[in-house]
C-alpha atoms as a PDB file:
ATOM      1  CA  MET A   1       0.000   0.000   0.000  1.00  0.00           C
ATOM      2  CA  ALA A   2       2.832   2.375  -0.782  1.00  0.00           C
ATOM      3  CA  GLU A   3       0.434   4.276  -3.047  1.00  0.00           C
ATOM      4  CA  LEU A   4      -1.906   4.921  -0.121  1.00  0.00           C
ATOM      5  CA  ALA A   5       0.984   6.435   1.843  1.00  0.00           C
ATOM      6  CA  THR A   6       1.668   8.763  -1.093  1.00  0.00           C
ATOM      7  CA  TYR A   7      -1.965   9.902  -1.178  1.00  0.00           C
ATOM      8  CA  ILE A   8      -1.989  10.432   2.589  1.00  0.00           C
ATOM      9  CA  ALA A   9       1.213  12.490   2.417  1.00  0.00           C
ATOM     10  CA  ASP A  10      -0.290  14.660  -0.331  1.00  0.00           C
ATOM     11  CA  VAL A  11      -3.499  15.271   1.633  1.00  0.00           C
ATOM     12  CA  LYS A  12      -1.454  16.164   4.744  1.00  0.00           C
ATOM     13  CA  LYS A  13       0.122  19.051   2.826  1.00  0.00           C
ATOM     14  CA  TYR A  14      -3.295  20.735   2.722  1.00  0.00           C
ATOM     15  CA  SER A  15      -5.287  19.380   5.657  1.00  0.00           C
ATOM     16  CA  GLY A  16      -4.420  20.007   9.279  1.00  0.00           C
ATOM     17  CA  SER A  17      -5.975  16.810  10.595  1.00  0.00           C
ATOM     18  CA  THR A  18      -5.913  14.125   7.940  1.00  0.00           C
ATOM     19  CA  ASN A  19      -8.188  11.149   8.479  1.00  0.00           C
ATOM     20  CA  GLU A  20      -6.227   8.279   6.939  1.00  0.00           C
ATOM     21  CA  ALA A  21      -9.258   5.976   6.879  1.00  0.00           C
ATOM     22  CA  ALA A  22     -11.144   8.575   4.825  1.00  0.00           C
ATOM     23  CA  VAL A  23      -8.208   8.864   2.399  1.00  0.00           C
ATOM     24  CA  ALA A  24      -8.235   5.073   2.025  1.00  0.00           C
ATOM     25  CA  GLY A  25     -11.994   5.180   1.397  1.00  0.00           C
ATOM     26  CA  ILE A  26     -11.623   7.825  -1.304  1.00  0.00           C
ATOM     27  CA  VAL A  27      -8.858   5.787  -2.951  1.00  0.00           C
ATOM     28  CA  LYS A  28     -11.182   2.771  -2.924  1.00  0.00           C
ATOM     29  CA  TYR A  29     -14.081   4.873  -4.262  1.00  0.00           C
ATOM     30  CA  LEU A  30     -11.948   6.136  -7.168  1.00  0.00           C
ATOM     31  CA  GLY A  31     -10.626   2.644  -7.831  1.00  0.00           C
ATOM     32  CA  ILE A  32      -9.646   2.054 -11.427  1.00  0.00           C
ATOM     33  CA  ALA A  33      -9.661   5.788 -12.254  1.00  0.00           C
ATOM     34  CA  LEU A  34      -6.415   6.112 -10.300  1.00  0.00           C
ATOM     35  CA  ARG A  35      -4.610   3.703 -12.638  1.00  0.00           C
ATOM     36  CA  ASN A  36      -4.687   6.209 -15.485  1.00  0.00           C
ATOM     37  CA  ALA A  37      -2.444   9.231 -14.963  1.00  0.00           C
ATOM     38  CA  ASP A  38      -4.936  11.543 -16.681  1.00  0.00           C
ATOM     39  CA  SER A  39      -7.969  10.523 -14.630  1.00  0.00           C
ATOM     40  CA  ALA A  40      -5.948  10.398 -11.377  1.00  0.00           C
ATOM     41  CA  LEU A  41      -5.395  14.145 -11.649  1.00  0.00           C
ATOM     42  CA  VAL A  42      -7.753  17.126 -11.703  1.00  0.00           C
ATOM     43  CA  SER A  43      -7.146  19.886 -14.226  1.00  0.00           C
ATOM     44  CA  GLY A  44      -7.969  23.131 -12.487  1.00  0.00           C
ATOM     45  CA  THR A  45      -7.979  25.037 -15.766  1.00  0.00           C
ATOM     46  CA  ASP A  46     -10.436  22.825 -17.668  1.00  0.00           C
ATOM     47  CA  PRO A  47     -14.062  23.979 -17.253  1.00  0.00           C
ATOM     48  CA  ALA A  48     -15.348  20.538 -18.271  1.00  0.00           C
ATOM     49  CA  GLU A  49     -13.247  18.931 -15.532  1.00  0.00           C
ATOM     50  CA  MET A  50     -14.518  21.390 -12.936  1.00  0.00           C
ATOM     51  CA  LYS A  51     -18.098  20.601 -13.995  1.00  0.00           C
ATOM     52  CA  ARG A  52     -17.339  16.866 -13.757  1.00  0.00           C
ATOM     53  CA  VAL A  53     -16.049  17.248 -10.179  1.00  0.00           C
ATOM     54  CA  ARG A  54     -19.130  19.298  -9.264  1.00  0.00           C
ATOM     55  CA  ASP A  55     -21.683  16.994 -10.861  1.00  0.00           C
ATOM     56  CA  ASN A  56     -20.169  13.565 -10.269  1.00  0.00           C
ATOM     57  CA  PHE A  57     -18.571  14.059  -6.868  1.00  0.00           C
ATOM     58  CA  LEU A  58     -20.281  16.912  -5.064  1.00  0.00           C
ATOM     59  CA  LYS A  59     -23.804  16.301  -6.337  1.00  0.00           C
ATOM     60  CA  LYS A  60     -23.881  12.541  -6.857  1.00  0.00           C
ATOM     61  CA  LYS A  61     -21.498  11.144  -4.247  1.00  0.00           C
ATOM     62  CA  LEU A  62     -21.797  13.773  -1.514  1.00  0.00           C
ATOM     63  CA  ALA A  63     -25.490  14.413  -2.338  1.00  0.00           C
ATOM     64  CA  LEU A  64     -25.094  18.182  -2.111  1.00  0.00           C
ATOM     65  CA  THR A  65     -27.978  20.308  -3.337  1.00  0.00           C
ATOM     66  CA  ASP A  66     -26.381  23.766  -3.235  1.00  0.00           C
ATOM     67  CA  ALA A  67     -26.586  25.977  -6.316  1.00  0.00           C
ATOM     68  CA  ASP A  68     -24.045  25.246  -9.051  1.00  0.00           C
ATOM     69  CA  ASP A  69     -22.255  28.561  -8.553  1.00  0.00           C
ATOM     70  CA  LYS A  70     -21.727  27.804  -4.854  1.00  0.00           C
ATOM     71  CA  LEU A  71     -20.402  24.322  -5.625  1.00  0.00           C
ATOM     72  CA  ASP A  72     -18.200  25.727  -8.399  1.00  0.00           C
ATOM     73  CA  ALA A  73     -16.769  28.213  -5.889  1.00  0.00           C
ATOM     74  CA  ALA A  74     -15.922  25.344  -3.518  1.00  0.00           C
ATOM     75  CA  VAL A  75     -14.099  23.445  -6.275  1.00  0.00           C
ATOM     76  CA  SER A  76     -12.271  26.607  -7.349  1.00  0.00           C
ATOM     77  CA  GLY A  77     -11.297  27.256  -3.737  1.00  0.00           C
ATOM     78  CA  VAL A  78      -9.700  23.833  -3.404  1.00  0.00           C
ATOM     79  CA  VAL A  79      -7.901  24.222  -6.736  1.00  0.00           C
ATOM     80  CA  THR A  80      -6.625  27.628  -5.619  1.00  0.00           C
ATOM     81  CA  LYS A  81      -5.479  26.161  -2.302  1.00  0.00           C
ATOM     82  CA  MET A  82      -3.467  23.594  -4.270  1.00  0.00           C
ATOM     83  CA  LYS A  83      -2.094  26.074  -6.834  1.00  0.00           C
ATOM     84  CA  ALA A  84       1.514  25.303  -5.878  1.00  0.00           C
ATOM     85  CA  ASP A  85       1.063  21.773  -7.264  1.00  0.00           C
ATOM     86  CA  LYS A  86       1.122  21.507 -11.036  1.00  0.00           C
ATOM     87  CA  THR A  87      -0.463  18.080 -10.699  1.00  0.00           C
ATOM     88  CA  LYS A  88      -3.512  18.064  -8.462  1.00  0.00           C
ATOM     89  CA  SER A  89      -4.279  14.605  -7.153  1.00  0.00           C
ATOM     90  CA  ARG A  90      -7.940  13.683  -7.543  1.00  0.00           C
ATOM     91  CA  VAL A  91      -7.757  11.966  -4.143  1.00  0.00           C
ATOM     92  CA  THR A  92      -6.581  15.190  -2.476  1.00  0.00           C
ATOM     93  CA  VAL A  93      -9.136  17.373  -4.262  1.00  0.00           C
ATOM     94  CA  TYR A  94     -11.967  15.019  -3.295  1.00  0.00           C
ATOM     95  CA  TYR A  95     -10.702  14.731   0.286  1.00  0.00           C
ATOM     96  CA  LEU A  96     -10.549  18.504   0.723  1.00  0.00           C
ATOM     97  CA  LEU A  97     -14.042  18.921  -0.713  1.00  0.00           C
ATOM     98  CA  ALA A  98     -15.471  16.145   1.480  1.00  0.00           C
ATOM     99  CA  GLU A  99     -13.717  17.671   4.494  1.00  0.00           C
ATOM    100  CA  GLN A 100     -15.106  21.123   3.691  1.00  0.00           C
ATOM    101  CA  TYR A 101     -18.646  19.755   3.554  1.00  0.00           C
ATOM    102  CA  LYS A 102     -18.120  17.500   6.596  1.00  0.00           C
ATOM    103  CA  LYS A 103     -18.779  14.371   4.536  1.00  0.00           C
ATOM    104  CA  LEU A 104     -15.590  12.384   5.222  1.00  0.00           C
ATOM    105  CA  ASP A 105     -17.634   9.813   7.122  1.00  0.00           C
ATOM    106  CA  LEU A 106     -19.076   8.631   3.791  1.00  0.00           C
ATOM    107  CA  PHE A 107     -15.671   7.114   3.038  1.00  0.00           C
ATOM    108  CA  ILE A 108     -14.914   5.521   6.400  1.00  0.00           C
ATOM    109  CA  LYS A 109     -15.798   1.883   6.677  1.00  0.00           C
ATOM    110  CA  ALA A 110     -17.681   1.085   9.885  1.00  0.00           C
END
């Protein structure tokens, strides 16, 4: 599980109190998408990618019902927070969004 340690280390750069079980759950949720370098990363400059994160993760997985502009602002905020990284890990982006909306428990196995 060396890959999991890499994801945890990346999340720790941005989150003060990283829940390692939640990181593991997000890695499991993303599954096969993490095998492809392109789908393992989030492009903060691609509007279609930002819409995909909003619709597929925030709305579908986290079941958020906020207005699109509010959700878009949350995604943009995370991308801005990670601006020092040229490659933005999808695991980290999703973790930070789930943390922001207090939904990390969705990824922790009971």
